[in-house]
Amino acid sequence: MGILAEQLKNQKEAQVPQGIVSITPSDTTKLAKPIRAFMVTAPGDVSLLMNDGSSGIYPGCVAGTQYMGKIIRINAAGTIATGIKGLL
């Protein structure tokens, strides 16, 4: 495999989640490791803190949909969705 093909393969693998964790929302405790996306099993809003320090709410998250971002905390305040899974 050529160098360019290897780089493209590595890029694609870097974009694909490599693991999954259950998340308990908290207003103070950051995740052990940033997640690259999250999903919910019961719909609703998800409040989060991004890696760059910005925060906000993803409104009306739908079960089974991946929501992307480099996320370091899912906040309890403002989060209505349940069954949150983080994708590493």
PDB file of N, CA and C in Angstrom:
ATOM      1  N   MET A   1       0.849  -1.169   0.000  1.00  0.00           N
ATOM      2  CA  MET A   1       0.000   0.000   0.000  1.00  0.00           C
ATOM      3  C   MET A   1       0.900   1.239   0.000  1.00  0.00           C
ATOM      4  N   GLY A   2       0.565   2.222  -0.835  1.00  0.00           N
ATOM      5  CA  GLY A   2       1.352   3.443  -0.922  1.00  0.00           C
ATOM      6  C   GLY A   2       1.128   4.345   0.285  1.00  0.00           C
ATOM      7  N   ILE A   3       1.965   5.369   0.409  1.00  0.00           N
ATOM      8  CA  ILE A   3       1.901   6.280   1.542  1.00  0.00           C
ATOM      9  C   ILE A   3       0.568   7.016   1.583  1.00  0.00           C
ATOM     10  N   LEU A   4       0.109   7.522   0.432  1.00  0.00           N
ATOM     11  CA  LEU A   4      -1.158   8.252   0.392  1.00  0.00           C
ATOM     12  C   LEU A   4      -2.324   7.340   0.775  1.00  0.00           C
ATOM     13  N   ALA A   5      -2.333   6.126   0.270  1.00  0.00           N
ATOM     14  CA  ALA A   5      -3.399   5.178   0.597  1.00  0.00           C
ATOM     15  C   ALA A   5      -3.402   4.865   2.092  1.00  0.00           C
ATOM     16  N   GLU A   6      -2.224   4.722   2.676  1.00  0.00           N
ATOM     17  CA  GLU A   6      -2.105   4.463   4.113  1.00  0.00           C
ATOM     18  C   GLU A   6      -2.628   5.646   4.926  1.00  0.00           C
ATOM     19  N   GLN A   7      -2.288   6.874   4.497  1.00  0.00           N
ATOM     20  CA  GLN A   7      -2.770   8.071   5.192  1.00  0.00           C
ATOM     21  C   GLN A   7      -4.293   8.173   5.130  1.00  0.00           C
ATOM     22  N   LEU A   8      -4.872   7.891   3.967  1.00  0.00           N
ATOM     23  CA  LEU A   8      -6.324   7.926   3.819  1.00  0.00           C
ATOM     24  C   LEU A   8      -6.999   6.872   4.698  1.00  0.00           C
ATOM     25  N   LYS A   9      -6.417   5.689   4.747  1.00  0.00           N
ATOM     26  CA  LYS A   9      -6.944   4.622   5.598  1.00  0.00           C
ATOM     27  C   LYS A   9      -6.919   5.052   7.062  1.00  0.00           C
ATOM     28  N   ASN A  10      -5.803   5.643   7.504  1.00  0.00           N
ATOM     29  CA  ASN A  10      -5.685   6.101   8.890  1.00  0.00           C
ATOM     30  C   ASN A  10      -6.669   7.213   9.204  1.00  0.00           C
ATOM     31  N   GLN A  11      -6.904   8.118   8.244  1.00  0.00           N
ATOM     32  CA  GLN A  11      -7.870   9.200   8.435  1.00  0.00           C
ATOM     33  C   GLN A  11      -9.274   8.644   8.627  1.00  0.00           C
ATOM     34  N   LYS A  12      -9.655   7.694   7.797  1.00  0.00           N
ATOM     35  CA  LYS A  12     -10.988   7.094   7.907  1.00  0.00           C
ATOM     36  C   LYS A  12     -11.154   6.391   9.244  1.00  0.00           C
ATOM     37  N   GLU A  13     -10.131   5.662   9.682  1.00  0.00           N
ATOM     38  CA  GLU A  13     -10.201   4.966  10.965  1.00  0.00           C
ATOM     39  C   GLU A  13     -10.285   5.950  12.122  1.00  0.00           C
ATOM     40  N   ALA A  14      -9.637   7.114  12.000  1.00  0.00           N
ATOM     41  CA  ALA A  14      -9.658   8.123  13.056  1.00  0.00           C
ATOM     42  C   ALA A  14     -11.062   8.722  13.214  1.00  0.00           C
ATOM     43  N   GLN A  15     -11.866   8.697  12.156  1.00  0.00           N
ATOM     44  CA  GLN A  15     -13.202   9.267  12.196  1.00  0.00           C
ATOM     45  C   GLN A  15     -14.246   8.286  12.730  1.00  0.00           C
ATOM     46  N   VAL A  16     -13.913   7.028  12.776  1.00  0.00           N
ATOM     47  CA  VAL A  16     -14.851   6.003  13.208  1.00  0.00           C
ATOM     48  C   VAL A  16     -14.698   5.780  14.710  1.00  0.00           C
ATOM     49  N   PRO A  17     -15.801   5.817  15.463  1.00  0.00           N
ATOM     50  CA  PRO A  17     -15.694   5.561  16.910  1.00  0.00           C
ATOM     51  C   PRO A  17     -15.035   4.210  17.170  1.00  0.00           C
ATOM     52  N   GLN A  18     -14.186   4.191  18.208  1.00  0.00           N
ATOM     53  CA  GLN A  18     -13.432   2.987  18.547  1.00  0.00           C
ATOM     54  C   GLN A  18     -13.946   2.305  19.811  1.00  0.00           C
ATOM     55  N   GLY A  19     -14.896   2.933  20.510  1.00  0.00           N
ATOM     56  CA  GLY A  19     -15.430   2.364  21.742  1.00  0.00           C
ATOM     57  C   GLY A  19     -16.692   3.085  22.166  1.00  0.00           C
ATOM     58  N   ILE A  20     -17.346   2.563  23.201  1.00  0.00           N
ATOM     59  CA  ILE A  20     -18.591   3.145  23.705  1.00  0.00           C
ATOM     60  C   ILE A  20     -18.576   3.086  25.234  1.00  0.00           C
ATOM     61  N   VAL A  21     -19.092   4.150  25.864  1.00  0.00           N
ATOM     62  CA  VAL A  21     -19.179   4.209  27.320  1.00  0.00           C
ATOM     63  C   VAL A  21     -20.547   4.758  27.717  1.00  0.00           C
ATOM     64  N   SER A  22     -21.051   4.299  28.855  1.00  0.00           N
ATOM     65  CA  SER A  22     -22.270   4.871  29.424  1.00  0.00           C
ATOM     66  C   SER A  22     -21.900   6.149  30.153  1.00  0.00           C
ATOM     67  N   ILE A  23     -22.746   7.161  30.038  1.00  0.00           N
ATOM     68  CA  ILE A  23     -22.445   8.459  30.638  1.00  0.00           C
ATOM     69  C   ILE A  23     -23.514   8.833  31.648  1.00  0.00           C
ATOM     70  N   THR A  24     -23.053   9.224  32.839  1.00  0.00           N
ATOM     71  CA  THR A  24     -23.924   9.797  33.858  1.00  0.00           C
ATOM     72  C   THR A  24     -23.667  11.298  33.859  1.00  0.00           C
ATOM     73  N   PRO A  25     -24.665  12.106  33.476  1.00  0.00           N
ATOM     74  CA  PRO A  25     -24.467  13.554  33.449  1.00  0.00           C
ATOM     75  C   PRO A  25     -24.039  14.107  34.813  1.00  0.00           C
ATOM     76  N   SER A  26     -23.159  15.110  34.774  1.00  0.00           N
ATOM     77  CA  SER A  26     -22.660  15.757  35.985  1.00  0.00           C
ATOM     78  C   SER A  26     -22.335  17.208  35.652  1.00  0.00           C
ATOM     79  N   ASP A  27     -22.586  18.096  36.591  1.00  0.00           N
ATOM     80  CA  ASP A  27     -22.252  19.504  36.381  1.00  0.00           C
ATOM     81  C   ASP A  27     -20.833  19.839  36.821  1.00  0.00           C
ATOM     82  N   THR A  28     -20.124  18.887  37.403  1.00  0.00           N
ATOM     83  CA  THR A  28     -18.783  19.164  37.913  1.00  0.00           C
ATOM     84  C   THR A  28     -17.713  18.192  37.414  1.00  0.00           C
ATOM     85  N   THR A  29     -18.059  16.949  37.202  1.00  0.00           N
ATOM     86  CA  THR A  29     -17.062  15.931  36.854  1.00  0.00           C
ATOM     87  C   THR A  29     -16.950  15.762  35.344  1.00  0.00           C
ATOM     88  N   LYS A  30     -15.722  15.992  34.838  1.00  0.00           N
ATOM     89  CA  LYS A  30     -15.474  15.790  33.413  1.00  0.00           C
ATOM     90  C   LYS A  30     -15.368  14.301  33.119  1.00  0.00           C
ATOM     91  N   LEU A  31     -15.564  13.943  31.869  1.00  0.00           N
ATOM     92  CA  LEU A  31     -15.418  12.555  31.450  1.00  0.00           C
ATOM     93  C   LEU A  31     -13.959  12.126  31.605  1.00  0.00           C
ATOM     94  N   ALA A  32     -13.744  10.858  31.843  1.00  0.00           N
ATOM     95  CA  ALA A  32     -12.381  10.341  31.998  1.00  0.00           C
ATOM     96  C   ALA A  32     -11.570  10.562  30.724  1.00  0.00           C
ATOM     97  N   LYS A  33     -12.245  10.542  29.596  1.00  0.00           N
ATOM     98  CA  LYS A  33     -11.616  10.714  28.292  1.00  0.00           C
ATOM     99  C   LYS A  33     -12.625  11.446  27.405  1.00  0.00           C
ATOM    100  N   PRO A  34     -12.196  12.450  26.631  1.00  0.00           N
ATOM    101  CA  PRO A  34     -13.153  13.125  25.747  1.00  0.00           C
ATOM    102  C   PRO A  34     -13.816  12.127  24.804  1.00  0.00           C
ATOM    103  N   ILE A  35     -15.072  12.390  24.501  1.00  0.00           N
ATOM    104  CA  ILE A  35     -15.782  11.556  23.530  1.00  0.00           C
ATOM    105  C   ILE A  35     -15.894  12.316  22.215  1.00  0.00           C
ATOM    106  N   ARG A  36     -16.013  11.580  21.125  1.00  0.00           N
ATOM    107  CA  ARG A  36     -16.121  12.218  19.810  1.00  0.00           C
ATOM    108  C   ARG A  36     -17.564  12.330  19.341  1.00  0.00           C
ATOM    109  N   ALA A  37     -18.475  11.667  20.055  1.00  0.00           N
ATOM    110  CA  ALA A  37     -19.894  11.734  19.717  1.00  0.00           C
ATOM    111  C   ALA A  37     -20.687  11.123  20.863  1.00  0.00           C
ATOM    112  N   PHE A  38     -22.008  11.354  20.832  1.00  0.00           N
ATOM    113  CA  PHE A  38     -22.886  10.706  21.802  1.00  0.00           C
ATOM    114  C   PHE A  38     -24.189  10.328  21.128  1.00  0.00           C
ATOM    115  N   MET A  39     -24.891   9.403  21.761  1.00  0.00           N
ATOM    116  CA  MET A  39     -26.225   8.973  21.340  1.00  0.00           C
ATOM    117  C   MET A  39     -27.080   8.883  22.587  1.00  0.00           C
ATOM    118  N   VAL A  40     -28.394   8.952  22.411  1.00  0.00           N
ATOM    119  CA  VAL A  40     -29.318   8.804  23.531  1.00  0.00           C
ATOM    120  C   VAL A  40     -30.296   7.673  23.218  1.00  0.00           C
ATOM    121  N   THR A  41     -30.838   7.049  24.280  1.00  0.00           N
ATOM    122  CA  THR A  41     -31.852   6.018  24.061  1.00  0.00           C
ATOM    123  C   THR A  41     -33.262   6.561  24.275  1.00  0.00           C
ATOM    124  N   ALA A  42     -33.373   7.648  25.045  1.00  0.00           N
ATOM    125  CA  ALA A  42     -34.654   8.331  25.223  1.00  0.00           C
ATOM    126  C   ALA A  42     -34.440   9.794  24.839  1.00  0.00           C
ATOM    127  N   PRO A  43     -35.258  10.340  23.950  1.00  0.00           N
ATOM    128  CA  PRO A  43     -35.018  11.662  23.395  1.00  0.00           C
ATOM    129  C   PRO A  43     -35.121  12.809  24.390  1.00  0.00           C
ATOM    130  N   GLY A  44     -34.493  13.925  24.009  1.00  0.00           N
ATOM    131  CA  GLY A  44     -34.553  15.138  24.809  1.00  0.00           C
ATOM    132  C   GLY A  44     -33.319  15.988  24.597  1.00  0.00           C
ATOM    133  N   ASP A  45     -33.234  17.089  25.322  1.00  0.00           N
ATOM    134  CA  ASP A  45     -32.092  17.995  25.238  1.00  0.00           C
ATOM    135  C   ASP A  45     -30.879  17.404  25.946  1.00  0.00           C
ATOM    136  N   VAL A  46     -29.675  17.752  25.445  1.00  0.00           N
ATOM    137  CA  VAL A  46     -28.426  17.356  26.094  1.00  0.00           C
ATOM    138  C   VAL A  46     -27.555  18.606  26.231  1.00  0.00           C
ATOM    139  N   SER A  47     -27.189  18.917  27.470  1.00  0.00           N
ATOM    140  CA  SER A  47     -26.319  20.047  27.768  1.00  0.00           C
ATOM    141  C   SER A  47     -24.895  19.522  27.905  1.00  0.00           C
ATOM    142  N   LEU A  48     -23.938  20.207  27.271  1.00  0.00           N
ATOM    143  CA  LEU A  48     -22.579  19.679  27.287  1.00  0.00           C
ATOM    144  C   LEU A  48     -21.520  20.754  27.305  1.00  0.00           C
ATOM    145  N   LEU A  49     -20.307  20.325  27.636  1.00  0.00           N
ATOM    146  CA  LEU A  49     -19.114  21.170  27.643  1.00  0.00           C
ATOM    147  C   LEU A  49     -18.163  20.616  26.593  1.00  0.00           C
ATOM    148  N   MET A  50     -17.745  21.479  25.678  1.00  0.00           N
ATOM    149  CA  MET A  50     -16.854  21.065  24.604  1.00  0.00           C
ATOM    150  C   MET A  50     -15.395  21.212  25.032  1.00  0.00           C
ATOM    151  N   ASN A  51     -14.505  20.593  24.283  1.00  0.00           N
ATOM    152  CA  ASN A  51     -13.080  20.604  24.584  1.00  0.00           C
ATOM    153  C   ASN A  51     -12.491  22.018  24.614  1.00  0.00           C
ATOM    154  N   ASP A  52     -13.033  22.935  23.815  1.00  0.00           N
ATOM    155  CA  ASP A  52     -12.493  24.298  23.767  1.00  0.00           C
ATOM    156  C   ASP A  52     -13.024  25.189  24.887  1.00  0.00           C
ATOM    157  N   GLY A  53     -13.848  24.624  25.772  1.00  0.00           N
ATOM    158  CA  GLY A  53     -14.392  25.377  26.901  1.00  0.00           C
ATOM    159  C   GLY A  53     -15.768  25.953  26.658  1.00  0.00           C
ATOM    160  N   SER A  54     -16.254  25.897  25.438  1.00  0.00           N
ATOM    161  CA  SER A  54     -17.601  26.389  25.153  1.00  0.00           C
ATOM    162  C   SER A  54     -18.621  25.360  25.617  1.00  0.00           C
ATOM    163  N   SER A  55     -19.823  25.835  25.907  1.00  0.00           N
ATOM    164  CA  SER A  55     -20.884  24.928  26.345  1.00  0.00           C
ATOM    165  C   SER A  55     -22.181  25.325  25.674  1.00  0.00           C
ATOM    166  N   GLY A  56     -23.115  24.407  25.692  1.00  0.00           N
ATOM    167  CA  GLY A  56     -24.402  24.669  25.070  1.00  0.00           C
ATOM    168  C   GLY A  56     -25.304  23.471  25.174  1.00  0.00           C
ATOM    169  N   ILE A  57     -26.460  23.603  24.553  1.00  0.00           N
ATOM    170  CA  ILE A  57     -27.463  22.532  24.580  1.00  0.00           C
ATOM    171  C   ILE A  57     -27.725  22.056  23.157  1.00  0.00           C
ATOM    172  N   TYR A  58     -27.679  20.745  22.991  1.00  0.00           N
ATOM    173  CA  TYR A  58     -28.135  20.135  21.745  1.00  0.00           C
ATOM    174  C   TYR A  58     -29.621  19.861  21.972  1.00  0.00           C
ATOM    175  N   PRO A  59     -30.515  20.655  21.369  1.00  0.00           N
ATOM    176  CA  PRO A  59     -31.945  20.498  21.648  1.00  0.00           C
ATOM    177  C   PRO A  59     -32.574  19.333  20.886  1.00  0.00           C
ATOM    178  N   GLY A  60     -33.506  18.676  21.538  1.00  0.00           N
ATOM    179  CA  GLY A  60     -34.312  17.644  20.891  1.00  0.00           C
ATOM    180  C   GLY A  60     -33.544  16.493  20.288  1.00  0.00           C
ATOM    181  N   CYS A  61     -32.545  15.975  20.986  1.00  0.00           N
ATOM    182  CA  CYS A  61     -31.782  14.833  20.473  1.00  0.00           C
ATOM    183  C   CYS A  61     -32.705  13.634  20.292  1.00  0.00           C
ATOM    184  N   VAL A  62     -32.526  12.941  19.195  1.00  0.00           N
ATOM    185  CA  VAL A  62     -33.368  11.802  18.823  1.00  0.00           C
ATOM    186  C   VAL A  62     -32.624  10.509  19.133  1.00  0.00           C
ATOM    187  N   ALA A  63     -33.330   9.536  19.654  1.00  0.00           N
ATOM    188  CA  ALA A  63     -32.721   8.238  19.967  1.00  0.00           C
ATOM    189  C   ALA A  63     -32.107   7.618  18.721  1.00  0.00           C
ATOM    190  N   GLY A  64     -30.883   7.101  18.895  1.00  0.00           N
ATOM    191  CA  GLY A  64     -30.218   6.384  17.814  1.00  0.00           C
ATOM    192  C   GLY A  64     -29.437   7.249  16.850  1.00  0.00           C
ATOM    193  N   THR A  65     -29.424   8.558  17.040  1.00  0.00           N
ATOM    194  CA  THR A  65     -28.685   9.464  16.166  1.00  0.00           C
ATOM    195  C   THR A  65     -27.367   9.843  16.827  1.00  0.00           C
ATOM    196  N   GLN A  66     -26.279   9.852  16.067  1.00  0.00           N
ATOM    197  CA  GLN A  66     -24.975  10.262  16.601  1.00  0.00           C
ATOM    198  C   GLN A  66     -24.844  11.775  16.501  1.00  0.00           C
ATOM    199  N   TYR A  67     -24.442  12.398  17.602  1.00  0.00           N
ATOM    200  CA  TYR A  67     -24.186  13.832  17.647  1.00  0.00           C
ATOM    201  C   TYR A  67     -22.700  14.018  17.888  1.00  0.00           C
ATOM    202  N   MET A  68     -22.036  14.664  16.946  1.00  0.00           N
ATOM    203  CA  MET A  68     -20.577  14.747  16.938  1.00  0.00           C
ATOM    204  C   MET A  68     -20.055  15.951  17.721  1.00  0.00           C
ATOM    205  N   GLY A  69     -18.809  15.851  18.157  1.00  0.00           N
ATOM    206  CA  GLY A  69     -18.107  16.935  18.821  1.00  0.00           C
ATOM    207  C   GLY A  69     -17.032  16.349  19.720  1.00  0.00           C
ATOM    208  N   LYS A  70     -16.064  17.164  20.087  1.00  0.00           N
ATOM    209  CA  LYS A  70     -15.068  16.721  21.066  1.00  0.00           C
ATOM    210  C   LYS A  70     -15.593  17.192  22.416  1.00  0.00           C
ATOM    211  N   ILE A  71     -16.242  16.292  23.127  1.00  0.00           N
ATOM    212  CA  ILE A  71     -17.019  16.615  24.320  1.00  0.00           C
ATOM    213  C   ILE A  71     -16.295  16.116  25.567  1.00  0.00           C
ATOM    214  N   ILE A  72     -16.190  17.002  26.583  1.00  0.00           N
ATOM    215  CA  ILE A  72     -15.481  16.611  27.803  1.00  0.00           C
ATOM    216  C   ILE A  72     -16.409  16.457  29.007  1.00  0.00           C
ATOM    217  N   ARG A  73     -17.682  16.907  28.871  1.00  0.00           N
ATOM    218  CA  ARG A  73     -18.631  16.698  29.974  1.00  0.00           C
ATOM    219  C   ARG A  73     -20.049  16.803  29.439  1.00  0.00           C
ATOM    220  N   ILE A  74     -20.918  15.925  29.924  1.00  0.00           N
ATOM    221  CA  ILE A  74     -22.366  16.041  29.707  1.00  0.00           C
ATOM    222  C   ILE A  74     -22.925  16.579  31.011  1.00  0.00           C
ATOM    223  N   ASN A  75     -23.505  17.763  30.955  1.00  0.00           N
ATOM    224  CA  ASN A  75     -24.028  18.415  32.159  1.00  0.00           C
ATOM    225  C   ASN A  75     -25.366  17.827  32.592  1.00  0.00           C
ATOM    226  N   ALA A  76     -25.574  17.756  33.903  1.00  0.00           N
ATOM    227  CA  ALA A  76     -26.857  17.297  34.441  1.00  0.00           C
ATOM    228  C   ALA A  76     -27.920  18.380  34.251  1.00  0.00           C
ATOM    229  N   ALA A  77     -27.555  19.636  34.572  1.00  0.00           N
ATOM    230  CA  ALA A  77     -28.494  20.745  34.410  1.00  0.00           C
ATOM    231  C   ALA A  77     -28.722  20.988  32.923  1.00  0.00           C
ATOM    232  N   GLY A  78     -29.961  20.933  32.508  1.00  0.00           N
ATOM    233  CA  GLY A  78     -30.299  21.160  31.111  1.00  0.00           C
ATOM    234  C   GLY A  78     -30.385  19.909  30.272  1.00  0.00           C
ATOM    235  N   THR A  79     -29.984  18.759  30.835  1.00  0.00           N
ATOM    236  CA  THR A  79     -30.066  17.494  30.098  1.00  0.00           C
ATOM    237  C   THR A  79     -31.334  16.761  30.498  1.00  0.00           C
ATOM    238  N   ILE A  80     -32.161  16.496  29.498  1.00  0.00           N
ATOM    239  CA  ILE A  80     -33.421  15.785  29.722  1.00  0.00           C
ATOM    240  C   ILE A  80     -33.340  14.363  29.155  1.00  0.00           C
ATOM    241  N   ALA A  81     -32.579  14.206  28.076  1.00  0.00           N
ATOM    242  CA  ALA A  81     -32.435  12.893  27.452  1.00  0.00           C
ATOM    243  C   ALA A  81     -31.807  11.920  28.443  1.00  0.00           C
ATOM    244  N   THR A  82     -32.106  10.645  28.291  1.00  0.00           N
ATOM    245  CA  THR A  82     -31.528   9.611  29.147  1.00  0.00           C
ATOM    246  C   THR A  82     -30.911   8.502  28.300  1.00  0.00           C
ATOM    247  N   GLY A  83     -30.201   7.619  28.989  1.00  0.00           N
ATOM    248  CA  GLY A  83     -29.544   6.519  28.286  1.00  0.00           C
ATOM    249  C   GLY A  83     -28.452   7.027  27.362  1.00  0.00           C
ATOM    250  N   ILE A  84     -27.635   7.949  27.861  1.00  0.00           N
ATOM    251  CA  ILE A  84     -26.610   8.580  27.035  1.00  0.00           C
ATOM    252  C   ILE A  84     -25.388   7.672  26.921  1.00  0.00           C
ATOM    253  N   LYS A  85     -24.966   7.439  25.701  1.00  0.00           N
ATOM    254  CA  LYS A  85     -23.785   6.633  25.409  1.00  0.00           C
ATOM    255  C   LYS A  85     -22.775   7.504  24.706  1.00  0.00           C
ATOM    256  N   GLY A  86     -21.533   7.487  25.179  1.00  0.00           N
ATOM    257  CA  GLY A  86     -20.457   8.240  24.558  1.00  0.00           C
ATOM    258  C   GLY A  86     -19.677   7.341  23.621  1.00  0.00           C
ATOM    259  N   LEU A  87     -19.337   7.873  22.463  1.00  0.00           N
ATOM    260  CA  LEU A  87     -18.552   7.143  21.478  1.00  0.00           C
ATOM    261  C   LEU A  87     -17.129   7.685  21.487  1.00  0.00           C
ATOM    262  N   LEU A  88     -16.165   6.792  21.698  1.00  0.00           N
ATOM    263  CA  LEU A  88     -14.758   7.181  21.788  1.00  0.00           C
ATOM    264  C   LEU A  88     -14.100   7.157  20.418  1.00  0.00           C
TER     265      LEU A  88
END
